[in-house]
Amino acid sequence: MQYRLTWLAVILTFVFLIPGEVVGHILAYLYRLLVSGWVFGGDTVFDLFTHGWFSRVGLEGVSGGMQGLAAGLLAALLCDKITKFADFRMVAYCNTALVGTFTVIGLLTSYAQTGLGTNNLVIVANTIGLVGGLFVAAEHIREKQNERWRVLEHLARVERAVKS
């Protein structure tokens, strides 16, 4: 299988992460709105043993992961519409390296300003969700590409049979 325009797909996917984060933020906001009061209100049995971290992880961590997952999926699937024959596994690896670098810079900056806290949890959860979304989308796109290649090979065989 010959891949084309992978370099463009890396750039476009990274650019499409921005609108993906906006859509993911809307989903994360709805999640926090739905579960903040009755599930992660801070007064559960688990919060007694974890000093409130159960609600923080369940509310901020999961919503950050959902935001990143939505951003990664949306960015890769939008980019697939433009560059149909790019190697999206390579795109996922390249964007993971870029996002990982920015995450480390963001964590160091956040730690230098305020120390450890919930904001660090949100940054890490968002990155984990984003990387997961990129790789899930990459495997889905790879399956679609394999199907496209099979169809193109079949059409080429039929065309060769008709000519001979």
C-alpha atoms as a PDB file:
ATOM      1  CA  MET A   1       0.000   0.000   0.000  1.00  0.00           C
ATOM      2  CA  GLN A   2       1.440   3.335  -1.021  1.00  0.00           C
ATOM      3  CA  TYR A   3       0.838   6.255   1.309  1.00  0.00           C
ATOM      4  CA  ARG A   4       0.682   9.818   0.066  1.00  0.00           C
ATOM      5  CA  LEU A   5       0.566  13.241   1.703  1.00  0.00           C
ATOM      6  CA  THR A   6       1.361  12.012   5.200  1.00  0.00           C
ATOM      7  CA  TRP A   7       3.305  15.196   5.900  1.00  0.00           C
ATOM      8  CA  LEU A   8       0.234  17.276   5.060  1.00  0.00           C
ATOM      9  CA  ALA A   9      -1.943  15.050   7.224  1.00  0.00           C
ATOM     10  CA  VAL A  10       0.383  15.610  10.204  1.00  0.00           C
ATOM     11  CA  ILE A  11       0.093  19.382   9.824  1.00  0.00           C
ATOM     12  CA  LEU A  12      -3.661  19.391   9.189  1.00  0.00           C
ATOM     13  CA  THR A  13      -4.408  17.049  12.064  1.00  0.00           C
ATOM     14  CA  PHE A  14      -2.430  19.254  14.424  1.00  0.00           C
ATOM     15  CA  VAL A  15      -4.328  22.311  13.166  1.00  0.00           C
ATOM     16  CA  PHE A  16      -7.682  20.504  13.427  1.00  0.00           C
ATOM     17  CA  LEU A  17      -6.973  19.727  17.078  1.00  0.00           C
ATOM     18  CA  ILE A  18      -7.991  23.305  17.905  1.00  0.00           C
ATOM     19  CA  PRO A  19     -11.622  23.041  16.724  1.00  0.00           C
ATOM     20  CA  GLY A  20     -11.628  19.507  18.117  1.00  0.00           C
ATOM     21  CA  GLU A  21     -10.730  20.865  21.536  1.00  0.00           C
ATOM     22  CA  VAL A  22     -13.621  23.343  21.287  1.00  0.00           C
ATOM     23  CA  VAL A  23     -16.100  20.564  20.482  1.00  0.00           C
ATOM     24  CA  GLY A  24     -14.527  18.410  23.192  1.00  0.00           C
ATOM     25  CA  HIS A  25     -14.856  21.247  25.679  1.00  0.00           C
ATOM     26  CA  ILE A  26     -18.582  21.445  24.958  1.00  0.00           C
ATOM     27  CA  LEU A  27     -18.913  17.685  25.574  1.00  0.00           C
ATOM     28  CA  ALA A  28     -16.829  17.941  28.751  1.00  0.00           C
ATOM     29  CA  TYR A  29     -18.972  20.846  29.960  1.00  0.00           C
ATOM     30  CA  LEU A  30     -22.136  18.810  29.431  1.00  0.00           C
ATOM     31  CA  TYR A  31     -20.554  15.873  31.298  1.00  0.00           C
ATOM     32  CA  ARG A  32     -19.612  18.111  34.234  1.00  0.00           C
ATOM     33  CA  LEU A  33     -23.080  19.648  34.204  1.00  0.00           C
ATOM     34  CA  LEU A  34     -24.757  16.230  34.354  1.00  0.00           C
ATOM     35  CA  VAL A  35     -22.627  14.492  36.981  1.00  0.00           C
ATOM     36  CA  SER A  36     -21.266  17.277  39.188  1.00  0.00           C
ATOM     37  CA  GLY A  37     -24.063  17.335  41.735  1.00  0.00           C
ATOM     38  CA  TRP A  38     -25.275  13.815  42.240  1.00  0.00           C
ATOM     39  CA  VAL A  39     -22.222  11.640  41.467  1.00  0.00           C
ATOM     40  CA  PHE A  40     -19.161  13.755  42.211  1.00  0.00           C
ATOM     41  CA  GLY A  41     -20.505  16.238  44.703  1.00  0.00           C
ATOM     42  CA  GLY A  42     -17.628  15.791  47.127  1.00  0.00           C
ATOM     43  CA  ASP A  43     -19.603  13.978  49.817  1.00  0.00           C
ATOM     44  CA  THR A  44     -19.369  10.349  48.705  1.00  0.00           C
ATOM     45  CA  VAL A  45     -17.889   7.524  50.757  1.00  0.00           C
ATOM     46  CA  PHE A  46     -14.878   7.380  48.455  1.00  0.00           C
ATOM     47  CA  ASP A  47     -14.186  11.071  49.059  1.00  0.00           C
ATOM     48  CA  LEU A  48     -13.840  10.416  52.779  1.00  0.00           C
ATOM     49  CA  PHE A  49     -10.996   7.980  52.160  1.00  0.00           C
ATOM     50  CA  THR A  50      -9.304   9.958  49.380  1.00  0.00           C
ATOM     51  CA  HIS A  51      -9.751  13.448  50.863  1.00  0.00           C
ATOM     52  CA  GLY A  52     -11.888  14.626  47.941  1.00  0.00           C
ATOM     53  CA  TRP A  53      -9.640  13.360  45.152  1.00  0.00           C
ATOM     54  CA  PHE A  54     -12.229  10.823  43.983  1.00  0.00           C
ATOM     55  CA  SER A  55     -14.563  13.632  42.956  1.00  0.00           C
ATOM     56  CA  ARG A  56     -11.731  15.676  41.449  1.00  0.00           C
ATOM     57  CA  VAL A  57     -10.525  12.801  39.297  1.00  0.00           C
ATOM     58  CA  GLY A  58     -14.044  11.747  38.377  1.00  0.00           C
ATOM     59  CA  LEU A  59     -15.122  15.236  37.462  1.00  0.00           C
ATOM     60  CA  GLU A  60     -12.059  17.056  36.121  1.00  0.00           C
ATOM     61  CA  GLY A  61      -9.965  14.088  35.016  1.00  0.00           C
ATOM     62  CA  VAL A  62     -12.680  12.260  33.119  1.00  0.00           C
ATOM     63  CA  SER A  63     -14.000  15.441  31.526  1.00  0.00           C
ATOM     64  CA  GLY A  64     -10.461  16.379  30.427  1.00  0.00           C
ATOM     65  CA  GLY A  65      -9.996  12.917  28.949  1.00  0.00           C
ATOM     66  CA  MET A  66     -13.321  13.160  27.133  1.00  0.00           C
ATOM     67  CA  GLN A  67     -12.323  16.542  25.735  1.00  0.00           C
ATOM     68  CA  GLY A  68      -9.031  15.167  24.426  1.00  0.00           C
ATOM     69  CA  LEU A  69     -10.665  12.029  23.026  1.00  0.00           C
ATOM     70  CA  ALA A  70     -13.201  14.074  21.093  1.00  0.00           C
ATOM     71  CA  ALA A  71     -10.468  16.405  19.816  1.00  0.00           C
ATOM     72  CA  GLY A  72      -8.250  13.565  18.597  1.00  0.00           C
ATOM     73  CA  LEU A  73     -11.072  11.701  16.896  1.00  0.00           C
ATOM     74  CA  LEU A  74     -12.486  14.786  15.228  1.00  0.00           C
ATOM     75  CA  ALA A  75      -9.097  16.051  14.036  1.00  0.00           C
ATOM     76  CA  ALA A  76      -8.059  12.748  12.472  1.00  0.00           C
ATOM     77  CA  LEU A  77     -11.439  12.061  10.875  1.00  0.00           C
ATOM     78  CA  LEU A  78     -11.621  15.579   9.398  1.00  0.00           C
ATOM     79  CA  CYS A  79      -8.105  15.236   8.040  1.00  0.00           C
ATOM     80  CA  ASP A  80      -9.009  11.885   6.471  1.00  0.00           C
ATOM     81  CA  LYS A  81     -11.600  13.665   4.335  1.00  0.00           C
ATOM     82  CA  ILE A  82      -8.806  15.819   2.853  1.00  0.00           C
ATOM     83  CA  THR A  83      -5.890  13.381   2.632  1.00  0.00           C
ATOM     84  CA  LYS A  84      -7.417  10.004   1.869  1.00  0.00           C
ATOM     85  CA  PHE A  85      -4.215   8.011   1.401  1.00  0.00           C
ATOM     86  CA  ALA A  86      -2.006   9.270   4.252  1.00  0.00           C
ATOM     87  CA  ASP A  87      -0.477   6.930   6.816  1.00  0.00           C
ATOM     88  CA  PHE A  88      -2.567   7.876   9.835  1.00  0.00           C
ATOM     89  CA  ARG A  89      -0.627   5.666  12.209  1.00  0.00           C
ATOM     90  CA  MET A  90       2.417   7.825  11.438  1.00  0.00           C
ATOM     91  CA  VAL A  91       0.226  10.916  11.783  1.00  0.00           C
ATOM     92  CA  ALA A  92      -0.841   9.734  15.243  1.00  0.00           C
ATOM     93  CA  TYR A  93       2.778   9.158  16.307  1.00  0.00           C
ATOM     94  CA  CYS A  94       3.936  12.564  15.045  1.00  0.00           C
ATOM     95  CA  ASN A  95       1.068  14.419  16.674  1.00  0.00           C
ATOM     96  CA  THR A  96       1.614  12.478  19.893  1.00  0.00           C
ATOM     97  CA  ALA A  97       5.199  13.715  19.944  1.00  0.00           C
ATOM     98  CA  LEU A  98       4.077  17.302  19.326  1.00  0.00           C
ATOM     99  CA  VAL A  99       1.303  17.204  21.911  1.00  0.00           C
ATOM    100  CA  GLY A 100       3.570  15.428  24.407  1.00  0.00           C
ATOM    101  CA  THR A 101       6.147  18.182  24.055  1.00  0.00           C
ATOM    102  CA  PHE A 102       3.558  20.892  24.652  1.00  0.00           C
ATOM    103  CA  THR A 103       2.171  18.910  27.594  1.00  0.00           C
ATOM    104  CA  VAL A 104       5.565  18.740  29.276  1.00  0.00           C
ATOM    105  CA  ILE A 105       6.050  22.472  28.735  1.00  0.00           C
ATOM    106  CA  GLY A 106       2.546  23.153  30.094  1.00  0.00           C
ATOM    107  CA  LEU A 107       3.103  20.934  33.129  1.00  0.00           C
ATOM    108  CA  LEU A 108       6.423  22.563  33.946  1.00  0.00           C
ATOM    109  CA  THR A 109       4.902  26.027  33.593  1.00  0.00           C
ATOM    110  CA  SER A 110       1.881  25.110  35.688  1.00  0.00           C
ATOM    111  CA  TYR A 111       4.023  23.498  38.354  1.00  0.00           C
ATOM    112  CA  ALA A 112       6.305  26.533  38.504  1.00  0.00           C
ATOM    113  CA  GLN A 113       3.346  28.903  38.933  1.00  0.00           C
ATOM    114  CA  THR A 114       0.998  27.060  41.274  1.00  0.00           C
ATOM    115  CA  GLY A 115       2.543  23.713  42.229  1.00  0.00           C
ATOM    116  CA  LEU A 116       0.702  20.407  41.955  1.00  0.00           C
ATOM    117  CA  GLY A 117      -3.053  20.603  41.677  1.00  0.00           C
ATOM    118  CA  THR A 118      -6.130  19.809  39.681  1.00  0.00           C
ATOM    119  CA  ASN A 119      -4.922  21.862  36.725  1.00  0.00           C
ATOM    120  CA  ASN A 120      -2.057  19.377  36.230  1.00  0.00           C
ATOM    121  CA  LEU A 121      -4.546  16.507  36.324  1.00  0.00           C
ATOM    122  CA  VAL A 122      -6.643  18.138  33.609  1.00  0.00           C
ATOM    123  CA  ILE A 123      -3.602  18.693  31.381  1.00  0.00           C
ATOM    124  CA  VAL A 124      -2.486  15.067  31.673  1.00  0.00           C
ATOM    125  CA  ALA A 125      -6.018  13.669  31.245  1.00  0.00           C
ATOM    126  CA  ASN A 126      -6.559  15.803  28.146  1.00  0.00           C
ATOM    127  CA  THR A 127      -3.303  14.579  26.636  1.00  0.00           C
ATOM    128  CA  ILE A 128      -4.088  10.934  27.374  1.00  0.00           C
ATOM    129  CA  GLY A 129      -7.533  11.316  25.803  1.00  0.00           C
ATOM    130  CA  LEU A 130      -6.106  13.140  22.799  1.00  0.00           C
ATOM    131  CA  VAL A 131      -3.493  10.461  22.128  1.00  0.00           C
ATOM    132  CA  GLY A 132      -6.109   7.759  22.576  1.00  0.00           C
ATOM    133  CA  GLY A 133      -8.441   9.521  20.149  1.00  0.00           C
ATOM    134  CA  LEU A 134      -5.686   9.883  17.560  1.00  0.00           C
ATOM    135  CA  PHE A 135      -4.784   6.193  17.675  1.00  0.00           C
ATOM    136  CA  VAL A 136      -8.404   4.985  17.701  1.00  0.00           C
ATOM    137  CA  ALA A 137      -9.116   7.154  14.674  1.00  0.00           C
ATOM    138  CA  ALA A 138      -5.889   5.972  13.007  1.00  0.00           C
ATOM    139  CA  GLU A 139      -6.949   2.332  13.242  1.00  0.00           C
ATOM    140  CA  HIS A 140     -10.446   3.138  11.986  1.00  0.00           C
ATOM    141  CA  ILE A 141      -9.022   5.105   9.055  1.00  0.00           C
ATOM    142  CA  ARG A 142      -6.545   2.305   8.312  1.00  0.00           C
ATOM    143  CA  GLU A 143      -9.423  -0.157   7.979  1.00  0.00           C
ATOM    144  CA  LYS A 144     -11.231   2.235   5.632  1.00  0.00           C
ATOM    145  CA  GLN A 145      -8.049   2.669   3.576  1.00  0.00           C
ATOM    146  CA  ASN A 146      -7.622  -1.100   3.258  1.00  0.00           C
ATOM    147  CA  GLU A 147     -11.178  -1.335   1.973  1.00  0.00           C
ATOM    148  CA  ARG A 148     -10.495   1.484  -0.521  1.00  0.00           C
ATOM    149  CA  TRP A 149      -7.388  -0.307  -1.772  1.00  0.00           C
ATOM    150  CA  ARG A 150      -9.321  -3.565  -2.220  1.00  0.00           C
ATOM    151  CA  VAL A 151     -11.996  -1.760  -4.238  1.00  0.00           C
ATOM    152  CA  LEU A 152      -9.393   0.000  -6.397  1.00  0.00           C
ATOM    153  CA  GLU A 153      -7.530  -3.267  -7.027  1.00  0.00           C
ATOM    154  CA  HIS A 154     -10.779  -4.994  -7.956  1.00  0.00           C
ATOM    155  CA  LEU A 155     -11.703  -2.195 -10.381  1.00  0.00           C
ATOM    156  CA  ALA A 156      -8.237  -2.385 -11.945  1.00  0.00           C
ATOM    157  CA  ARG A 157      -8.593  -6.161 -12.434  1.00  0.00           C
ATOM    158  CA  VAL A 158     -12.006  -5.718 -14.033  1.00  0.00           C
ATOM    159  CA  GLU A 159     -10.649  -3.005 -16.327  1.00  0.00           C
ATOM    160  CA  ARG A 160      -7.719  -5.194 -17.372  1.00  0.00           C
ATOM    161  CA  ALA A 161     -10.081  -8.102 -18.040  1.00  0.00           C
ATOM    162  CA  VAL A 162     -12.312  -5.927 -20.204  1.00  0.00           C
ATOM    163  CA  LYS A 163      -9.341  -4.657 -22.253  1.00  0.00           C
ATOM    164  CA  SER A 164      -7.992  -8.154 -22.932  1.00  0.00           C
END
